[in-house]
Amino acid sequence: MRLFMGLLSAQPFDSELIGDESLMRRPMERAAKPLRAMGARIETNDGKPPVRISGGQQLQGIRYEMPVASAQVKSAVLLAGLYATGETTVVEPGVTRDHTERMLQSFGCAVRARDGVVSLAAPKSLQAANIRVPGDISSAAFFLVAACLGAREPFTIRDVGVNPTRTGILEMLALMGADLRLVNHRSFGMEPVADI
């Protein structure tokens, strides 16, 4: 929902975002605040969904220093930045997942990321691309742990995303003595992939 807030903030139509019972309890102001600073008109219900976004707003790029590390908030601001005038910059207080930046680069957007600072200027257009999505390492984690506990012969999980912002499970299993090997390293778009 937070990512959609970024995308919908610059659209010419009004939007209302709702979700299931769990999603309706989640805080949305952490994304709404920087989007409002960009010129978006967003209303929440006491900080929670439904989120109402007024269309037709002209967004302006900002430099946003996140008080708390959040890949979702960072992505919402960057996605809104695709429609903003000027440069949009997000300063992270800690490392977060970088899937949005990688995806935008795959679509031809010039994204600069270094030392916790991510910037982009709205491109004239994005380029269509065929994207192959790697397997989610979070979903593979169950099978990895099961194989470490009971596999009697080598066990391979293919096409797993091994983005360095997501591989904590591999590091923890290795520290516990698991015999893990990453082979067949390659990329799906800008995302690193391997067989484990």
Protein backbone atom coordinates (compact mmCIF):
# COMPACT_ATOMS: atom_id res chain seq x y z
CA MET A 1 0.00 0.00 0.00
CA ARG A 2 2.84 2.41 0.79
CA LEU A 3 4.40 1.86 -2.65
CA PHE A 4 1.04 2.51 -4.32
CA MET A 5 0.83 5.77 -2.39
CA GLY A 6 3.97 6.93 -4.19
CA LEU A 7 2.75 5.85 -7.62
CA LEU A 8 -0.76 7.25 -7.21
CA SER A 9 0.31 10.62 -5.75
CA ALA A 10 0.97 12.13 -9.19
CA GLN A 11 -1.83 10.53 -11.17
CA PRO A 12 -4.61 12.68 -12.70
CA PHE A 13 -7.34 10.77 -10.81
CA ASP A 14 -8.36 10.40 -7.18
CA SER A 15 -7.58 7.11 -5.40
CA GLU A 16 -8.60 5.35 -2.22
CA LEU A 17 -6.49 2.52 -0.84
CA ILE A 18 -7.96 -0.12 1.45
CA GLY A 19 -6.89 -3.62 2.43
CA ASP A 20 -7.61 -6.62 4.57
CA GLU A 21 -8.05 -6.38 8.34
CA SER A 22 -4.31 -6.63 8.99
CA LEU A 23 -3.40 -3.96 6.43
CA MET A 24 -6.06 -1.58 7.74
CA ARG A 25 -4.21 -1.43 11.09
CA ARG A 26 -0.82 -0.49 9.64
CA PRO A 27 0.63 3.02 9.95
CA MET A 28 0.62 4.98 6.69
CA GLU A 29 1.83 8.39 7.85
CA ARG A 30 5.49 7.39 7.54
CA ALA A 31 4.95 7.33 3.75
CA ALA A 32 2.31 10.07 3.59
CA LYS A 33 4.54 12.68 5.29
CA PRO A 34 7.35 12.81 2.69
CA LEU A 35 4.83 12.49 -0.15
CA ARG A 36 2.96 15.52 1.20
CA ALA A 37 6.30 17.37 1.30
CA MET A 38 6.54 16.63 -2.43
CA GLY A 39 3.11 18.22 -3.00
CA ALA A 40 0.83 15.19 -2.76
CA ARG A 41 -2.61 15.55 -1.17
CA ILE A 42 -3.06 12.50 1.05
CA GLU A 43 -5.51 11.86 3.87
CA THR A 44 -5.41 8.95 6.29
CA ASN A 45 -7.81 7.80 8.99
CA ASP A 46 -5.90 8.64 12.16
CA GLY A 47 -2.68 7.60 10.40
CA LYS A 48 -4.12 4.33 9.09
CA PRO A 49 -6.05 3.27 5.96
CA PRO A 50 -8.17 4.02 4.15
CA VAL A 51 -5.71 6.30 2.38
CA ARG A 52 -7.31 8.93 0.13
CA ILE A 53 -5.13 10.51 -2.54
CA SER A 54 -6.29 13.54 -4.53
CA GLY A 55 -5.24 13.36 -8.16
CA GLY A 56 -3.82 16.07 -10.38
CA GLN A 57 -1.07 17.32 -8.05
CA GLN A 58 2.26 18.57 -9.39
CA LEU A 59 5.02 16.93 -7.37
CA GLN A 60 8.38 18.51 -6.58
CA GLY A 61 11.51 16.49 -5.87
CA ILE A 62 12.78 16.65 -2.29
CA ARG A 63 15.70 15.49 -0.19
CA TYR A 64 14.14 13.26 2.47
CA GLU A 65 16.16 12.07 5.44
CA MET A 66 14.29 9.05 6.75
CA PRO A 67 14.00 8.98 10.55
CA VAL A 68 13.71 5.17 10.43
CA ALA A 69 15.07 2.82 7.76
CA SER A 70 12.22 1.57 5.58
CA ALA A 71 12.46 0.11 2.08
CA GLN A 72 8.74 0.74 1.58
CA VAL A 73 8.93 4.44 2.42
CA LYS A 74 12.09 4.87 0.35
CA SER A 75 10.39 3.16 -2.59
CA ALA A 76 7.22 5.25 -2.25
CA VAL A 77 9.27 8.47 -2.41
CA LEU A 78 11.35 7.23 -5.36
CA LEU A 79 8.26 6.11 -7.29
CA ALA A 80 6.67 9.52 -6.71
CA GLY A 81 9.98 11.03 -7.87
CA LEU A 82 9.37 9.50 -11.30
CA TYR A 83 6.69 12.19 -11.75
CA ALA A 84 8.31 15.06 -9.84
CA THR A 85 10.13 18.10 -11.14
CA GLY A 86 13.72 18.30 -9.96
CA GLU A 87 15.73 15.64 -8.21
CA THR A 88 14.37 13.30 -5.55
CA THR A 89 16.83 12.07 -2.91
CA VAL A 90 16.31 9.70 0.00
CA VAL A 91 18.89 9.45 2.79
CA GLU A 92 18.70 6.15 4.67
CA PRO A 93 19.81 5.80 8.30
CA GLY A 94 20.56 2.13 7.64
CA VAL A 95 20.68 -0.36 4.78
CA THR A 96 17.31 -1.37 3.33
CA ARG A 97 16.28 -3.57 0.44
CA ASP A 98 17.11 -2.04 -2.93
CA HIS A 99 14.77 -3.90 -5.29
CA THR A 100 13.01 -0.71 -6.45
CA GLU A 101 16.26 1.01 -7.41
CA ARG A 102 17.39 -2.06 -9.33
CA MET A 103 14.03 -2.37 -11.11
CA LEU A 104 14.05 1.31 -12.09
CA GLN A 105 17.57 0.91 -13.50
CA SER A 106 16.32 -2.05 -15.56
CA PHE A 107 13.71 0.29 -17.04
CA GLY A 108 16.36 2.86 -18.00
CA CYS A 109 16.00 5.27 -15.07
CA ALA A 110 19.26 6.83 -13.93
CA VAL A 111 19.34 6.01 -10.22
CA ARG A 112 22.38 6.92 -8.14
CA ALA A 113 22.91 5.04 -4.90
CA ARG A 114 25.93 5.39 -2.66
CA ASP A 115 26.57 5.34 1.06
CA GLY A 116 22.88 5.32 2.00
CA VAL A 117 21.90 8.15 -0.35
CA VAL A 118 19.63 7.29 -3.30
CA SER A 119 18.74 9.89 -5.95
CA LEU A 120 16.88 10.09 -9.23
CA ALA A 121 15.48 12.69 -11.58
CA ALA A 122 12.24 11.95 -13.42
CA PRO A 123 13.10 10.36 -16.76
CA LYS A 124 11.35 11.50 -19.94
CA SER A 125 10.05 7.94 -20.16
CA LEU A 126 10.84 4.47 -18.89
CA GLN A 127 11.88 1.71 -21.29
CA ALA A 128 9.90 -1.50 -21.46
CA ALA A 129 11.95 -4.55 -20.49
CA ASN A 130 11.44 -8.25 -20.07
CA ILE A 131 11.96 -8.96 -16.39
CA ARG A 132 12.51 -12.40 -14.98
CA VAL A 133 11.72 -12.41 -11.26
CA PRO A 134 14.06 -14.51 -9.09
CA GLY A 135 12.73 -16.84 -6.42
CA ASP A 136 12.23 -15.14 -3.07
CA ILE A 137 14.91 -16.11 -0.56
CA SER A 138 12.38 -15.69 2.26
CA SER A 139 10.27 -18.46 0.73
CA ALA A 140 13.38 -20.57 0.10
CA ALA A 141 14.43 -20.18 3.76
CA PHE A 142 12.05 -22.91 4.94
CA PHE A 143 13.52 -25.40 2.49
CA LEU A 144 17.08 -24.32 3.27
CA VAL A 145 16.58 -24.91 7.00
CA ALA A 146 14.83 -28.25 6.38
CA ALA A 147 17.66 -29.39 4.09
CA CYS A 148 20.29 -28.34 6.66
CA LEU A 149 18.50 -30.34 9.33
CA GLY A 150 17.76 -33.53 7.43
CA ALA A 151 19.05 -33.82 3.86
CA ARG A 152 21.23 -36.89 3.37
CA GLU A 153 22.45 -35.83 -0.04
CA PRO A 154 22.97 -32.45 -1.76
CA PHE A 155 19.82 -30.38 -2.13
CA THR A 156 19.57 -27.58 -4.72
CA ILE A 157 17.19 -24.65 -4.89
CA ARG A 158 17.43 -22.94 -8.28
CA ASP A 159 17.02 -19.32 -9.38
CA VAL A 160 17.02 -17.77 -5.91
CA GLY A 161 17.46 -14.02 -5.55
CA VAL A 162 20.67 -13.38 -3.62
CA ASN A 163 20.46 -9.61 -3.35
CA PRO A 164 22.96 -8.69 -0.60
CA THR A 165 20.22 -6.84 1.30
CA ARG A 166 18.30 -10.14 1.67
CA THR A 167 20.88 -12.86 2.38
CA GLY A 168 20.95 -12.76 6.19
CA ILE A 169 19.51 -16.30 6.36
CA LEU A 170 22.50 -17.63 4.40
CA GLU A 171 24.95 -15.86 6.70
CA MET A 172 23.20 -17.19 9.83
CA LEU A 173 23.08 -20.77 8.53
CA ALA A 174 26.77 -20.61 7.58
CA LEU A 175 27.63 -19.35 11.10
CA MET A 176 25.74 -22.37 12.47
CA GLY A 177 27.90 -24.71 10.37
CA ALA A 178 25.64 -25.30 7.35
CA ASP A 179 27.40 -26.48 4.21
CA LEU A 180 25.95 -23.99 1.70
CA ARG A 181 27.29 -23.26 -1.75
CA LEU A 182 26.06 -20.60 -4.16
CA VAL A 183 26.67 -21.62 -7.77
CA ASN A 184 25.63 -20.50 -11.24
CA HIS A 185 25.76 -16.78 -10.34
CA ARG A 186 23.92 -14.57 -12.83
CA SER A 187 21.45 -11.70 -13.01
CA PHE A 188 17.76 -11.43 -13.77
CA GLY A 189 17.65 -7.82 -14.91
CA MET A 190 19.66 -6.03 -12.22
CA GLU A 191 18.93 -8.61 -9.50
CA PRO A 192 21.69 -11.08 -8.55
CA VAL A 193 20.59 -14.72 -8.71
CA ALA A 194 22.22 -18.05 -7.86
CA ASP A 195 21.42 -21.69 -7.25
CA ILE A 196 21.88 -22.66 -3.60
